[in-house]
């Protein structure tokens, strides 16, 4: 018969990744988080391409990739609405099954942070990382990030202060800077919705996996990949 929709997408293997739920809402929880990891994979794919394009001054093409990532993040933000249909009591029916597992441990989200420019080498000592995850994170730590590529592009253009880009008026660099800010803002919105989703389910209780739950997530709300682009607004 040749290639079919199912064989091309490996649908049988994909659907086999969800175990029989032990409580009604567990399938919702698993599907939402597994789909997050798939979208993270696509975002990383596009992020690598955008970084390479900026490194060769192909800014409009890089913006196309970045706009796709922004759209991906909006899709992920919308997924928190689906989680909001789960009641706290429904979550408690299976929360104990998570044991030491937590979204805090998502290696791909850490890759996204590293690849964007926020690198925290201490995360590599986390005991839950597999050898493959550790190797990927080490490569991200060692490789130039999206922020690095942007800073190098500024240097090639003879720009020593990003404020000069904002003051200069429309240009390929200013358009790129605004698209980078769109991306940073989209991730910020995702972080905020994540906090609200957690508070809606467990309030201020500690999270699974040893995290402090919403308190930890709230501490990340000020994280920025391009702080200089935000600070420039104050100085402009």
Protein backbone atom coordinates (compact mmCIF):
# COMPACT_ATOMS: atom_id res chain seq x y z
CA UNK A 1 0.00 0.00 0.00
CA UNK A 2 2.96 2.33 0.49
CA UNK A 3 3.00 5.31 2.79
CA UNK A 4 -0.23 6.14 4.61
CA UNK A 5 -1.19 8.99 6.92
CA UNK A 6 -0.76 6.69 9.91
CA UNK A 7 2.57 5.21 8.84
CA UNK A 8 4.08 8.60 7.89
CA UNK A 9 3.14 10.13 11.26
CA UNK A 10 3.72 6.88 13.18
CA UNK A 11 0.33 7.33 14.78
CA UNK A 12 0.22 3.89 16.40
CA UNK A 13 3.53 4.50 18.16
CA UNK A 14 2.41 7.98 19.18
CA UNK A 15 -0.87 6.81 20.71
CA UNK A 16 0.92 3.97 22.52
CA UNK A 17 2.86 6.57 24.53
CA UNK A 18 -0.19 7.31 26.67
CA UNK A 19 -0.81 4.66 29.32
CA UNK A 20 -4.26 3.66 30.50
CA UNK A 21 -5.24 6.54 32.82
CA UNK A 22 -5.54 5.74 36.50
CA UNK A 23 -7.98 8.62 36.94
CA UNK A 24 -10.21 10.31 34.40
CA UNK A 25 -8.22 13.56 34.13
CA UNK A 26 -4.80 11.92 33.94
CA UNK A 27 -5.03 11.50 30.16
CA UNK A 28 -5.66 15.24 29.77
CA UNK A 29 -2.61 16.01 31.91
CA UNK A 30 -0.34 13.61 30.02
CA UNK A 31 -1.46 14.67 26.53
CA UNK A 32 -1.03 18.35 27.38
CA UNK A 33 2.51 17.88 28.66
CA UNK A 34 3.55 15.49 25.90
CA UNK A 35 2.29 17.97 23.31
CA UNK A 36 4.28 20.69 25.08
CA UNK A 37 7.43 18.63 24.51
CA UNK A 38 6.59 18.23 20.80
CA UNK A 39 6.08 21.99 20.41
CA UNK A 40 9.35 22.60 22.30
CA UNK A 41 11.08 20.31 19.79
CA UNK A 42 9.74 22.39 16.89
CA UNK A 43 10.65 25.65 18.64
CA UNK A 44 14.23 24.45 19.11
CA UNK A 45 14.40 23.43 15.44
CA UNK A 46 13.32 26.92 14.38
CA UNK A 47 15.50 28.60 16.98
CA UNK A 48 18.63 26.90 15.66
CA UNK A 49 17.78 28.04 12.15
CA UNK A 50 17.09 31.62 13.27
CA UNK A 51 20.41 31.75 15.11
CA UNK A 52 22.28 30.55 12.01
CA UNK A 53 20.48 33.06 9.79
CA UNK A 54 21.30 35.98 12.08
CA UNK A 55 24.93 34.88 12.11
CA UNK A 56 25.00 35.45 8.33
CA UNK A 57 22.99 38.71 8.47
CA UNK A 58 19.92 37.16 6.84
CA UNK A 59 17.62 39.05 9.15
CA UNK A 60 14.27 38.87 7.27
CA UNK A 61 14.58 35.08 7.00
CA UNK A 62 15.45 34.87 10.68
CA UNK A 63 12.38 36.93 11.53
CA UNK A 64 10.22 34.41 9.67
CA UNK A 65 11.55 31.64 11.91
CA UNK A 66 11.14 33.73 15.03
CA UNK A 67 7.55 34.63 14.16
CA UNK A 68 6.83 30.92 13.84
CA UNK A 69 8.23 30.36 17.34
CA UNK A 70 6.07 33.19 18.67
CA UNK A 71 3.04 31.46 17.15
CA UNK A 72 4.13 28.18 18.75
CA UNK A 73 4.34 29.89 22.14
CA UNK A 74 0.85 31.31 21.68
CA UNK A 75 -0.37 27.80 20.95
CA UNK A 76 1.25 26.62 24.19
CA UNK A 77 -0.31 29.51 26.11
CA UNK A 78 -3.74 28.48 24.83
CA UNK A 79 -3.16 24.94 26.09
CA UNK A 80 -3.29 26.18 29.68
CA UNK A 81 -6.98 26.89 29.03
CA UNK A 82 -7.47 23.17 28.42
CA UNK A 83 -5.74 22.32 31.70
CA UNK A 84 -8.07 24.79 33.39
CA UNK A 85 -10.99 22.45 32.65
CA UNK A 86 -9.49 20.01 35.16
CA UNK A 87 -10.69 20.48 38.74
CA UNK A 88 -8.23 20.48 41.66
CA UNK A 89 -9.99 17.39 43.00
CA UNK A 90 -9.56 15.70 39.63
CA UNK A 91 -5.82 16.43 39.69
CA UNK A 92 -5.45 15.10 43.24
CA UNK A 93 -6.83 11.75 42.11
CA UNK A 94 -3.56 11.01 40.30
CA UNK A 95 -1.03 13.62 41.49
CA UNK A 96 0.63 11.08 43.78
CA UNK A 97 1.56 9.01 40.69
CA UNK A 98 3.97 11.77 39.59
CA UNK A 99 6.16 11.07 42.65
CA UNK A 100 9.41 12.93 41.88
CA UNK A 101 8.38 14.06 38.41
CA UNK A 102 7.83 17.73 37.67
CA UNK A 103 7.62 20.10 34.70
CA UNK A 104 10.60 21.82 36.34
CA UNK A 105 12.62 18.89 35.00
CA UNK A 106 11.81 19.47 31.31
CA UNK A 107 15.22 19.28 29.64
CA UNK A 108 13.85 20.64 26.39
CA UNK A 109 12.57 23.81 28.07
CA UNK A 110 16.04 24.27 29.57
CA UNK A 111 17.47 23.77 26.09
CA UNK A 112 15.14 26.50 24.88
CA UNK A 113 16.42 28.83 27.59
CA UNK A 114 20.06 27.98 26.85
CA UNK A 115 19.61 28.35 23.09
CA UNK A 116 17.87 31.69 23.56
CA UNK A 117 20.56 33.16 25.77
CA UNK A 118 19.66 32.42 29.37
CA UNK A 119 22.26 29.83 30.36
CA UNK A 120 22.42 28.39 33.87
CA UNK A 121 25.28 25.90 34.02
CA UNK A 122 24.21 24.75 37.50
CA UNK A 123 21.22 22.99 35.95
CA UNK A 124 23.59 20.40 34.46
CA UNK A 125 24.15 18.96 37.94
CA UNK A 126 20.46 18.04 38.25
CA UNK A 127 20.17 14.36 39.24
CA UNK A 128 17.11 13.69 37.06
CA UNK A 129 18.88 14.36 33.75
CA UNK A 130 19.57 11.34 31.56
CA UNK A 131 22.92 11.02 29.81
CA UNK A 132 21.31 12.07 26.51
CA UNK A 133 19.64 15.11 28.09
CA UNK A 134 22.88 16.12 29.78
CA UNK A 135 24.77 15.85 26.49
CA UNK A 136 22.20 18.01 24.68
CA UNK A 137 22.28 20.66 27.39
CA UNK A 138 26.07 20.71 27.40
CA UNK A 139 26.05 21.31 23.64
CA UNK A 140 23.58 24.16 24.13
CA UNK A 141 25.72 25.63 26.88
CA UNK A 142 28.81 25.56 24.68
CA UNK A 143 27.17 26.76 21.45
CA UNK A 144 26.41 30.40 20.53
CA UNK A 145 22.89 31.35 21.56
CA UNK A 146 20.30 33.48 19.79
CA UNK A 147 21.31 36.39 22.02
CA UNK A 148 24.98 35.84 21.12
CA UNK A 149 24.12 35.91 17.42
CA UNK A 150 22.22 39.18 17.86
CA UNK A 151 25.05 40.83 19.80
CA UNK A 152 27.55 39.74 17.15
CA UNK A 153 25.29 41.14 14.42
CA UNK A 154 25.24 44.46 16.25
CA UNK A 155 29.05 44.42 16.46
CA UNK A 156 29.37 43.71 12.73
CA UNK A 157 27.13 46.70 12.07
CA UNK A 158 29.30 48.89 14.27
CA UNK A 159 26.63 49.27 16.97
CA UNK A 160 28.00 49.39 20.51
CA UNK A 161 24.72 50.25 22.25
CA UNK A 162 21.38 48.69 21.32
CA UNK A 163 19.81 52.06 22.12
CA UNK A 164 21.30 53.35 18.87
CA UNK A 165 19.27 50.76 16.97
CA UNK A 166 16.04 51.96 18.56
CA UNK A 167 16.90 55.60 17.86
CA UNK A 168 17.91 54.99 14.24
CA UNK A 169 14.40 54.40 12.96
CA UNK A 170 13.26 51.60 10.64
CA UNK A 171 16.00 49.25 9.47
CA UNK A 172 16.61 45.52 9.18
CA UNK A 173 18.28 45.59 12.60
CA UNK A 174 15.43 47.45 14.29
CA UNK A 175 12.89 45.04 12.79
CA UNK A 176 14.95 42.10 14.01
CA UNK A 177 15.22 43.64 17.48
CA UNK A 178 11.45 44.05 17.68
CA UNK A 179 10.87 40.45 16.57
CA UNK A 180 13.30 39.22 19.22
CA UNK A 181 11.32 41.21 21.76
CA UNK A 182 8.10 39.60 20.46
CA UNK A 183 9.66 36.21 21.14
CA UNK A 184 10.86 37.21 24.61
CA UNK A 185 7.42 38.59 25.42
CA UNK A 186 5.66 35.44 24.20
CA UNK A 187 7.78 33.27 26.50
CA UNK A 188 7.01 35.69 29.33
CA UNK A 189 3.28 35.28 28.71
CA UNK A 190 3.73 31.51 28.72
CA UNK A 191 5.53 31.68 32.07
CA UNK A 192 2.74 33.79 33.54
CA UNK A 193 -0.01 31.47 32.36
CA UNK A 194 1.98 28.53 33.74
CA UNK A 195 1.98 30.13 37.18
CA UNK A 196 -1.76 30.72 37.06
CA UNK A 197 -2.39 27.15 35.87
CA UNK A 198 -0.40 25.76 38.80
CA UNK A 199 -2.06 28.05 41.35
CA UNK A 200 -5.46 27.06 39.99
CA UNK A 201 -4.71 23.38 40.61
CA UNK A 202 -2.66 23.31 43.83
CA UNK A 203 -2.62 26.86 45.18
CA UNK A 204 0.61 27.56 47.03
CA UNK A 205 1.37 23.94 47.95
CA UNK A 206 4.87 22.64 47.08
CA UNK A 207 5.20 21.22 43.59
CA UNK A 208 6.10 17.66 42.69
CA UNK A 209 9.76 16.86 42.11
CA UNK A 210 10.90 18.95 45.09
CA UNK A 211 10.15 22.39 43.63
CA UNK A 212 8.32 25.06 45.59
CA UNK A 213 5.55 25.09 43.00
CA UNK A 214 3.97 28.44 42.16
CA UNK A 215 6.47 30.30 44.32
CA UNK A 216 9.36 29.07 42.16
CA UNK A 217 7.48 29.80 38.94
CA UNK A 218 6.72 33.35 40.09
CA UNK A 219 10.44 33.90 40.65
CA UNK A 220 11.03 33.26 36.94
CA UNK A 221 8.56 35.87 35.65
CA UNK A 222 11.26 38.53 35.35
CA UNK A 223 13.61 36.29 33.35
CA UNK A 224 14.48 37.82 29.99
CA UNK A 225 16.51 36.57 27.02
CA UNK A 226 17.22 40.12 25.83
CA UNK A 227 17.25 42.34 28.94
CA UNK A 228 19.10 45.08 27.08
CA UNK A 229 16.18 45.47 24.66
CA UNK A 230 13.81 45.97 27.59
CA UNK A 231 16.16 48.29 29.46
CA UNK A 232 16.62 50.43 26.35
CA UNK A 233 12.95 51.44 26.59
CA UNK A 234 13.74 53.20 29.85
CA UNK A 235 16.77 54.98 28.42
CA UNK A 236 15.17 55.98 25.12
